[in-house]
Each structure stands twice: as structure tokens, then as C-alpha cells.
Amino acid sequence: MFPQNLIPMVVENTGRGERAYDVFSLLLKERIVFLGTPIDDQIANVIVAQLLFLEREDPDKEIRLYVNSPGGVIYAGLAIYDTMQLIRCPVSTYCVGLAASMGTVLLAAGHPGRRFALPNSLIHIHQPLGGAQGQAVDIEIEARRIIRERERLNDILAKHTGQPLERIIRDSDRNYYMEPQAAVEYGIVDEVLMPAPKEGMEKISSNGHR
């Protein structure tokens, strides 16, 4: 999680006076979830709890998930992924900065047609990393686990991108980086969000949609 002294506070005026929120709580009120760190158990628990809370608040209203993450622990990321697929709310995804490894899986898992990347973002896929030491049998068990994780992530990416599984396997065998438009062509995102002219505050996508 972010160090407490780095989390901005926002003061909101209400009929009952002023109320201070940390910025993440204020975003949550607007149904925005921000994943801005590597993914571990603690981060996954927070994201899952936010998604479940927002579904309880309104099961039909969109949730916006912003991703700026280098990835992390696979089973923690899959907990977020499974929750995104489980809840009834459509989850739109936005890449800001970097979506790598498990972060890319979550980006691609957004609701079809609602997966976006900002123009200077970077998307990255690769095979799971791991290591083991100890007895030979332990190393063999760990190697089998990594292979299973790789197969699972490849299947998920193939499902959400529409790419043949063989291409996912080939491309993710080494570090594979994509600019936003390349990620659109790959099927990881649907549109690149472009800034509107300064006189208007609306955002428009690369194909002209508002």
C-alpha cells in the first residue's frame, strides 16, 4: 500500500459541514478503483473488497479500474481477475503509465469495448518468473507449478484478446512490449484515449468517440 503520508486528503463541503477523505476513498465514491502498485496479497484483498462493495452498492453500474502496475504475485492477481469476472457490474479498464505481466491480464479482462489505454502508456507481456532451491523434487514441483501458471495466463490472454493461443505462447516467451495502438491491434485494449483540445474538457478516443 501507499505510505500514509503520501496519500492526499480531499476536503468536501456538505450540508453537515466539511468532511475529509483520502483521495482513494473519494475515487471509490465515484466507482473508480486505482491499482497503482505491484500486486500482492494485501493489494489484491483491497481491490477485491472494493469491487465487491461497489457491486453491492449498484450491481448494474459500471466500475472503472485504472491500472498502473508492473504485475506481481500471480495468484493474488488471479483473485482480482476472478472477482472482475464474477461480479455483475461491467468493469471498464484503463492503462495509465504501465500495465505489465499480471497488470496486462487485468487490463485485457475489462468489459468488451470498455478497455482503454492512455496515449503514452506501455503494455507488456511475458512468461511467469520463478525460482526454487532445495531438493531436486522440490525444484521439479516448483517448475511444474510455473508451467501451469503460464498455461493458465496464456489461456486467459487468448480468451480476452482473441489471439490464437500459439501466438500468445510465442510472444510471451520473452519480454514483449506494446505501444497503445499496438495493444489495440493485439486485442488487449479497445481504444486509445486521446486528450481533447484545451478549450474542451471531454476526452475522445483515437477513433473519434467521446
C-alpha atoms as a PDB file:
ATOM      1  CA  MET A   1       0.000   0.000   0.000  1.00  0.00           C
ATOM      2  CA  PHE A   2       0.965   3.641  -0.326  1.00  0.00           C
ATOM      3  CA  PRO A   3       2.716   5.221   2.678  1.00  0.00           C
ATOM      4  CA  GLN A   4       0.071   7.137   4.618  1.00  0.00           C
ATOM      5  CA  ASN A   5       1.990  10.411   4.343  1.00  0.00           C
ATOM      6  CA  LEU A   6       1.874  10.181   0.530  1.00  0.00           C
ATOM      7  CA  ILE A   7      -1.912   9.814   0.273  1.00  0.00           C
ATOM      8  CA  PRO A   8      -3.544  13.201  -0.442  1.00  0.00           C
ATOM      9  CA  MET A   9      -6.546  14.268   1.600  1.00  0.00           C
ATOM     10  CA  VAL A  10      -9.525  15.987  -0.006  1.00  0.00           C
ATOM     11  CA  VAL A  11     -11.913  18.230   1.924  1.00  0.00           C
ATOM     12  CA  GLU A  12     -15.530  18.084   0.755  1.00  0.00           C
ATOM     13  CA  ASN A  13     -18.175  20.582   1.828  1.00  0.00           C
ATOM     14  CA  THR A  14     -21.515  19.006   2.739  1.00  0.00           C
ATOM     15  CA  GLY A  15     -24.709  20.184   4.388  1.00  0.00           C
ATOM     16  CA  ARG A  16     -23.254  18.982   7.656  1.00  0.00           C
ATOM     17  CA  GLY A  17     -20.010  20.878   7.234  1.00  0.00           C
ATOM     18  CA  GLU A  18     -16.621  19.830   5.966  1.00  0.00           C
ATOM     19  CA  ARG A  19     -15.550  16.225   5.661  1.00  0.00           C
ATOM     20  CA  ALA A  20     -12.052  14.996   4.822  1.00  0.00           C
ATOM     21  CA  TYR A  21     -11.471  11.952   2.625  1.00  0.00           C
ATOM     22  CA  ASP A  22      -8.301  10.322   1.456  1.00  0.00           C
ATOM     23  CA  VAL A  23      -8.232  10.567  -2.325  1.00  0.00           C
ATOM     24  CA  PHE A  24      -8.762   6.815  -2.828  1.00  0.00           C
ATOM     25  CA  SER A  25     -11.961   6.862  -0.770  1.00  0.00           C
ATOM     26  CA  LEU A  26     -13.176   9.815  -2.811  1.00  0.00           C
ATOM     27  CA  LEU A  27     -12.453   7.923  -6.033  1.00  0.00           C
ATOM     28  CA  LEU A  28     -14.303   4.907  -4.647  1.00  0.00           C
ATOM     29  CA  LYS A  29     -17.380   7.081  -4.127  1.00  0.00           C
ATOM     30  CA  GLU A  30     -17.242   7.739  -7.880  1.00  0.00           C
ATOM     31  CA  ARG A  31     -16.865   3.979  -8.569  1.00  0.00           C
ATOM     32  CA  ILE A  32     -13.206   4.347  -9.547  1.00  0.00           C
ATOM     33  CA  VAL A  33     -10.699   1.742  -8.348  1.00  0.00           C
ATOM     34  CA  PHE A  34      -6.997   2.527  -8.770  1.00  0.00           C
ATOM     35  CA  LEU A  35      -4.374  -0.220  -8.949  1.00  0.00           C
ATOM     36  CA  GLY A  36      -1.102   1.690  -8.767  1.00  0.00           C
ATOM     37  CA  THR A  37       1.333  -0.730  -7.142  1.00  0.00           C
ATOM     38  CA  PRO A  38       2.791  -4.194  -7.632  1.00  0.00           C
ATOM     39  CA  ILE A  39       0.175  -6.858  -6.899  1.00  0.00           C
ATOM     40  CA  ASP A  40       0.498  -8.855  -3.696  1.00  0.00           C
ATOM     41  CA  ASP A  41      -1.970 -10.443  -1.276  1.00  0.00           C
ATOM     42  CA  GLN A  42      -2.650  -7.202   0.575  1.00  0.00           C
ATOM     43  CA  ILE A  43      -3.278  -5.174  -2.575  1.00  0.00           C
ATOM     44  CA  ALA A  44      -5.444  -7.932  -4.053  1.00  0.00           C
ATOM     45  CA  ASN A  45      -7.573  -8.081  -0.899  1.00  0.00           C
ATOM     46  CA  VAL A  46      -8.166  -4.327  -1.036  1.00  0.00           C
ATOM     47  CA  ILE A  47      -9.083  -4.355  -4.745  1.00  0.00           C
ATOM     48  CA  VAL A  48     -11.377  -7.379  -4.341  1.00  0.00           C
ATOM     49  CA  ALA A  49     -13.102  -5.756  -1.358  1.00  0.00           C
ATOM     50  CA  GLN A  50     -13.664  -2.551  -3.339  1.00  0.00           C
ATOM     51  CA  LEU A  51     -15.132  -4.444  -6.293  1.00  0.00           C
ATOM     52  CA  LEU A  52     -17.481  -6.427  -4.048  1.00  0.00           C
ATOM     53  CA  PHE A  53     -18.553  -3.286  -2.201  1.00  0.00           C
ATOM     54  CA  LEU A  54     -19.339  -1.452  -5.440  1.00  0.00           C
ATOM     55  CA  GLU A  55     -21.370  -4.396  -6.722  1.00  0.00           C
ATOM     56  CA  ARG A  56     -23.364  -4.336  -3.504  1.00  0.00           C
ATOM     57  CA  GLU A  57     -23.986  -0.607  -3.942  1.00  0.00           C
ATOM     58  CA  ASP A  58     -25.274  -0.992  -7.520  1.00  0.00           C
ATOM     59  CA  PRO A  59     -24.887  -4.304  -9.386  1.00  0.00           C
ATOM     60  CA  ASP A  60     -25.654  -2.768 -12.773  1.00  0.00           C
ATOM     61  CA  LYS A  61     -23.492   0.360 -12.715  1.00  0.00           C
ATOM     62  CA  GLU A  62     -20.052   0.497 -14.309  1.00  0.00           C
ATOM     63  CA  ILE A  63     -16.848   0.282 -12.285  1.00  0.00           C
ATOM     64  CA  ARG A  64     -13.721   1.932 -13.684  1.00  0.00           C
ATOM     65  CA  LEU A  65     -10.438   0.187 -12.899  1.00  0.00           C
ATOM     66  CA  TYR A  66      -7.276   2.209 -13.563  1.00  0.00           C
ATOM     67  CA  VAL A  67      -4.122   0.107 -13.910  1.00  0.00           C
ATOM     68  CA  ASN A  68      -0.556   1.364 -13.427  1.00  0.00           C
ATOM     69  CA  SER A  69       1.162  -1.786 -12.234  1.00  0.00           C
ATOM     70  CA  PRO A  70       4.222  -3.876 -13.094  1.00  0.00           C
ATOM     71  CA  GLY A  71       2.343  -7.038 -12.139  1.00  0.00           C
ATOM     72  CA  GLY A  72       3.207  -9.187  -9.176  1.00  0.00           C
ATOM     73  CA  VAL A  73       2.085 -12.365  -7.458  1.00  0.00           C
ATOM     74  CA  ILE A  74       0.079 -14.429  -9.921  1.00  0.00           C
ATOM     75  CA  TYR A  75      -2.463 -15.986  -7.565  1.00  0.00           C
ATOM     76  CA  ALA A  76      -3.099 -12.571  -5.990  1.00  0.00           C
ATOM     77  CA  GLY A  77      -3.723 -11.099  -9.436  1.00  0.00           C
ATOM     78  CA  LEU A  78      -5.991 -14.002 -10.334  1.00  0.00           C
ATOM     79  CA  ALA A  79      -8.082 -13.251  -7.241  1.00  0.00           C
ATOM     80  CA  ILE A  80      -8.752  -9.804  -8.727  1.00  0.00           C
ATOM     81  CA  TYR A  81      -9.352 -11.310 -12.174  1.00  0.00           C
ATOM     82  CA  ASP A  82     -11.856 -13.881 -10.893  1.00  0.00           C
ATOM     83  CA  THR A  83     -13.726 -11.202  -8.957  1.00  0.00           C
ATOM     84  CA  MET A  84     -13.932  -8.995 -12.060  1.00  0.00           C
ATOM     85  CA  GLN A  85     -15.488 -11.906 -13.937  1.00  0.00           C
ATOM     86  CA  LEU A  86     -17.792 -12.855 -11.060  1.00  0.00           C
ATOM     87  CA  ILE A  87     -19.462  -9.551 -10.266  1.00  0.00           C
ATOM     88  CA  ARG A  88     -22.406  -8.335 -12.314  1.00  0.00           C
ATOM     89  CA  CYS A  89     -21.082  -4.789 -12.766  1.00  0.00           C
ATOM     90  CA  PRO A  90     -19.320  -4.116 -16.057  1.00  0.00           C
ATOM     91  CA  VAL A  91     -15.694  -3.279 -15.268  1.00  0.00           C
ATOM     92  CA  SER A  92     -14.005  -0.891 -17.683  1.00  0.00           C
ATOM     93  CA  THR A  93     -10.208  -0.836 -17.572  1.00  0.00           C
ATOM     94  CA  TYR A  94      -7.744   1.979 -18.228  1.00  0.00           C
ATOM     95  CA  CYS A  95      -3.973   1.692 -18.612  1.00  0.00           C
ATOM     96  CA  VAL A  96      -2.169   4.726 -17.225  1.00  0.00           C
ATOM     97  CA  GLY A  97       1.617   4.509 -17.242  1.00  0.00           C
ATOM     98  CA  LEU A  98       2.471   0.811 -17.280  1.00  0.00           C
ATOM     99  CA  ALA A  99       0.484  -2.402 -17.400  1.00  0.00           C
ATOM    100  CA  ALA A 100       2.874  -5.338 -17.252  1.00  0.00           C
ATOM    101  CA  SER A 101       2.577  -9.048 -16.639  1.00  0.00           C
ATOM    102  CA  MET A 102      -0.438  -9.609 -14.340  1.00  0.00           C
ATOM    103  CA  GLY A 103      -1.369  -5.946 -14.787  1.00  0.00           C
ATOM    104  CA  THR A 104      -1.817  -6.611 -18.505  1.00  0.00           C
ATOM    105  CA  VAL A 105      -4.041  -9.608 -17.780  1.00  0.00           C
ATOM    106  CA  LEU A 106      -6.319  -7.406 -15.663  1.00  0.00           C
ATOM    107  CA  LEU A 107      -6.307  -4.692 -18.328  1.00  0.00           C
ATOM    108  CA  ALA A 108      -7.362  -7.177 -21.011  1.00  0.00           C
ATOM    109  CA  ALA A 109     -10.040  -8.647 -18.729  1.00  0.00           C
ATOM    110  CA  GLY A 110     -12.147  -5.490 -18.772  1.00  0.00           C
ATOM    111  CA  HIS A 111     -15.648  -5.432 -20.247  1.00  0.00           C
ATOM    112  CA  PRO A 112     -15.514  -5.841 -24.048  1.00  0.00           C
ATOM    113  CA  GLY A 113     -15.495  -2.439 -25.720  1.00  0.00           C
ATOM    114  CA  ARG A 114     -14.533  -0.682 -22.474  1.00  0.00           C
ATOM    115  CA  ARG A 115     -10.786  -1.346 -22.296  1.00  0.00           C
ATOM    116  CA  PHE A 116      -8.676   1.756 -22.806  1.00  0.00           C
ATOM    117  CA  ALA A 117      -5.060   2.921 -22.829  1.00  0.00           C
ATOM    118  CA  LEU A 118      -3.748   6.454 -22.496  1.00  0.00           C
ATOM    119  CA  PRO A 119      -1.527   7.620 -25.366  1.00  0.00           C
ATOM    120  CA  ASN A 120       1.806   7.403 -23.510  1.00  0.00           C
ATOM    121  CA  SER A 121       1.139   4.174 -21.663  1.00  0.00           C
ATOM    122  CA  LEU A 122       3.096   0.954 -22.153  1.00  0.00           C
ATOM    123  CA  ILE A 123       1.763  -2.603 -22.183  1.00  0.00           C
ATOM    124  CA  HIS A 124       3.960  -5.643 -21.563  1.00  0.00           C
ATOM    125  CA  ILE A 125       3.545  -9.418 -21.507  1.00  0.00           C
ATOM    126  CA  HIS A 126       5.978 -12.161 -20.538  1.00  0.00           C
ATOM    127  CA  GLN A 127       6.001 -15.622 -19.051  1.00  0.00           C
ATOM    128  CA  PRO A 128       5.790 -16.108 -15.268  1.00  0.00           C
ATOM    129  CA  LEU A 129       9.018 -15.757 -13.334  1.00  0.00           C
ATOM    130  CA  GLY A 130      10.037 -18.075 -10.544  1.00  0.00           C
ATOM    131  CA  GLY A 131      12.829 -19.888  -8.850  1.00  0.00           C
ATOM    132  CA  ALA A 132      13.392 -22.701  -6.430  1.00  0.00           C
ATOM    133  CA  GLN A 133      16.118 -24.179  -4.335  1.00  0.00           C
ATOM    134  CA  GLY A 134      16.467 -27.261  -2.208  1.00  0.00           C
ATOM    135  CA  GLN A 135      15.990 -30.889  -3.074  1.00  0.00           C
ATOM    136  CA  ALA A 136      15.557 -31.918  -6.694  1.00  0.00           C
ATOM    137  CA  VAL A 137      11.960 -32.995  -6.100  1.00  0.00           C
ATOM    138  CA  ASP A 138      11.093 -29.531  -4.721  1.00  0.00           C
ATOM    139  CA  ILE A 139      12.633 -27.854  -7.749  1.00  0.00           C
ATOM    140  CA  GLU A 140      10.621 -30.167 -10.010  1.00  0.00           C
ATOM    141  CA  ILE A 141       7.380 -29.340  -8.177  1.00  0.00           C
ATOM    142  CA  GLU A 142       8.078 -25.611  -8.491  1.00  0.00           C
ATOM    143  CA  ALA A 143       8.849 -25.958 -12.204  1.00  0.00           C
ATOM    144  CA  ARG A 144       5.535 -27.755 -12.787  1.00  0.00           C
ATOM    145  CA  ARG A 145       3.694 -25.024 -10.891  1.00  0.00           C
ATOM    146  CA  ILE A 146       5.255 -22.290 -13.043  1.00  0.00           C
ATOM    147  CA  ILE A 147       4.317 -24.182 -16.208  1.00  0.00           C
ATOM    148  CA  ARG A 148       0.694 -24.492 -15.012  1.00  0.00           C
ATOM    149  CA  GLU A 149       0.585 -20.783 -14.198  1.00  0.00           C
ATOM    150  CA  ARG A 150       1.976 -19.930 -17.610  1.00  0.00           C
ATOM    151  CA  GLU A 151      -0.642 -22.085 -19.333  1.00  0.00           C
ATOM    152  CA  ARG A 152      -3.436 -20.512 -17.285  1.00  0.00           C
ATOM    153  CA  LEU A 153      -2.337 -16.944 -18.056  1.00  0.00           C
ATOM    154  CA  ASN A 154      -1.869 -17.751 -21.743  1.00  0.00           C
ATOM    155  CA  ASP A 155      -5.403 -19.181 -21.889  1.00  0.00           C
ATOM    156  CA  ILE A 156      -6.807 -16.057 -20.219  1.00  0.00           C
ATOM    157  CA  LEU A 157      -4.995 -13.707 -22.602  1.00  0.00           C
ATOM    158  CA  ALA A 158      -6.094 -15.749 -25.613  1.00  0.00           C
ATOM    159  CA  LYS A 159      -9.697 -15.615 -24.390  1.00  0.00           C
ATOM    160  CA  HIS A 160      -9.772 -11.843 -23.910  1.00  0.00           C
ATOM    161  CA  THR A 161      -7.639 -10.763 -26.876  1.00  0.00           C
ATOM    162  CA  GLY A 162      -8.939 -13.162 -29.499  1.00  0.00           C
ATOM    163  CA  GLN A 163      -5.376 -14.068 -30.430  1.00  0.00           C
ATOM    164  CA  PRO A 164      -4.533 -17.700 -31.211  1.00  0.00           C
ATOM    165  CA  LEU A 165      -3.062 -19.459 -28.207  1.00  0.00           C
ATOM    166  CA  GLU A 166       0.031 -20.275 -30.250  1.00  0.00           C
ATOM    167  CA  ARG A 167       0.757 -16.573 -30.767  1.00  0.00           C
ATOM    168  CA  ILE A 168       0.285 -15.777 -27.083  1.00  0.00           C
ATOM    169  CA  ILE A 169       2.728 -18.558 -26.211  1.00  0.00           C
ATOM    170  CA  ARG A 170       5.278 -17.305 -28.734  1.00  0.00           C
ATOM    171  CA  ASP A 171       5.007 -13.616 -27.851  1.00  0.00           C
ATOM    172  CA  SER A 172       5.064 -14.102 -24.088  1.00  0.00           C
ATOM    173  CA  ASP A 173       8.102 -16.369 -24.204  1.00  0.00           C
ATOM    174  CA  ARG A 174      10.255 -13.231 -23.842  1.00  0.00           C
ATOM    175  CA  ASN A 175       9.585  -9.634 -22.804  1.00  0.00           C
ATOM    176  CA  TYR A 176       7.061  -8.267 -25.310  1.00  0.00           C
ATOM    177  CA  TYR A 177       6.285  -4.544 -25.186  1.00  0.00           C
ATOM    178  CA  MET A 178       3.444  -2.757 -26.965  1.00  0.00           C
ATOM    179  CA  GLU A 179       2.631   0.879 -27.534  1.00  0.00           C
ATOM    180  CA  PRO A 180      -1.075   1.692 -27.048  1.00  0.00           C
ATOM    181  CA  GLN A 181      -2.086   1.378 -30.704  1.00  0.00           C
ATOM    182  CA  ALA A 182      -0.251  -1.936 -30.968  1.00  0.00           C
ATOM    183  CA  ALA A 183      -2.174  -3.104 -27.888  1.00  0.00           C
ATOM    184  CA  VAL A 184      -5.415  -2.188 -29.681  1.00  0.00           C
ATOM    185  CA  GLU A 185      -4.381  -4.259 -32.687  1.00  0.00           C
ATOM    186  CA  TYR A 186      -3.394  -7.123 -30.386  1.00  0.00           C
ATOM    187  CA  GLY A 187      -6.787  -7.057 -28.660  1.00  0.00           C
ATOM    188  CA  ILE A 188      -5.599  -6.147 -25.169  1.00  0.00           C
ATOM    189  CA  VAL A 189      -7.431  -2.815 -25.249  1.00  0.00           C
ATOM    190  CA  ASP A 190     -10.207  -1.479 -27.454  1.00  0.00           C
ATOM    191  CA  GLU A 191      -9.287   2.190 -27.800  1.00  0.00           C
ATOM    192  CA  VAL A 192      -6.564   4.724 -27.117  1.00  0.00           C
ATOM    193  CA  LEU A 193      -7.930   7.723 -25.215  1.00  0.00           C
ATOM    194  CA  MET A 194      -6.669  10.988 -26.661  1.00  0.00           C
ATOM    195  CA  PRO A 195      -6.859  14.379 -24.915  1.00  0.00           C
ATOM    196  CA  ALA A 196      -9.439  16.795 -26.243  1.00  0.00           C
ATOM    197  CA  PRO A 197      -8.431  20.331 -27.263  1.00  0.00           C
ATOM    198  CA  LYS A 198      -7.671  22.505 -24.259  1.00  0.00           C
ATOM    199  CA  GLU A 199     -10.841  24.541 -24.646  1.00  0.00           C
ATOM    200  CA  GLY A 200     -12.930  21.389 -24.044  1.00  0.00           C
ATOM    201  CA  MET A 201     -12.515  19.028 -21.129  1.00  0.00           C
ATOM    202  CA  GLU A 202     -14.047  15.953 -22.762  1.00  0.00           C
ATOM    203  CA  LYS A 203     -11.791  13.048 -23.637  1.00  0.00           C
ATOM    204  CA  ILE A 204     -12.085  11.487 -27.062  1.00  0.00           C
ATOM    205  CA  SER A 205     -10.786   8.155 -28.263  1.00  0.00           C
ATOM    206  CA  SER A 206      -8.480   7.590 -31.194  1.00  0.00           C
ATOM    207  CA  ASN A 207     -11.432   6.738 -33.435  1.00  0.00           C
ATOM    208  CA  GLY A 208     -13.297   9.912 -32.551  1.00  0.00           C
ATOM    209  CA  HIS A 209     -15.705   8.529 -29.928  1.00  0.00           C
ATOM    210  CA  ARG A 210     -16.448  10.721 -26.932  1.00  0.00           C
END
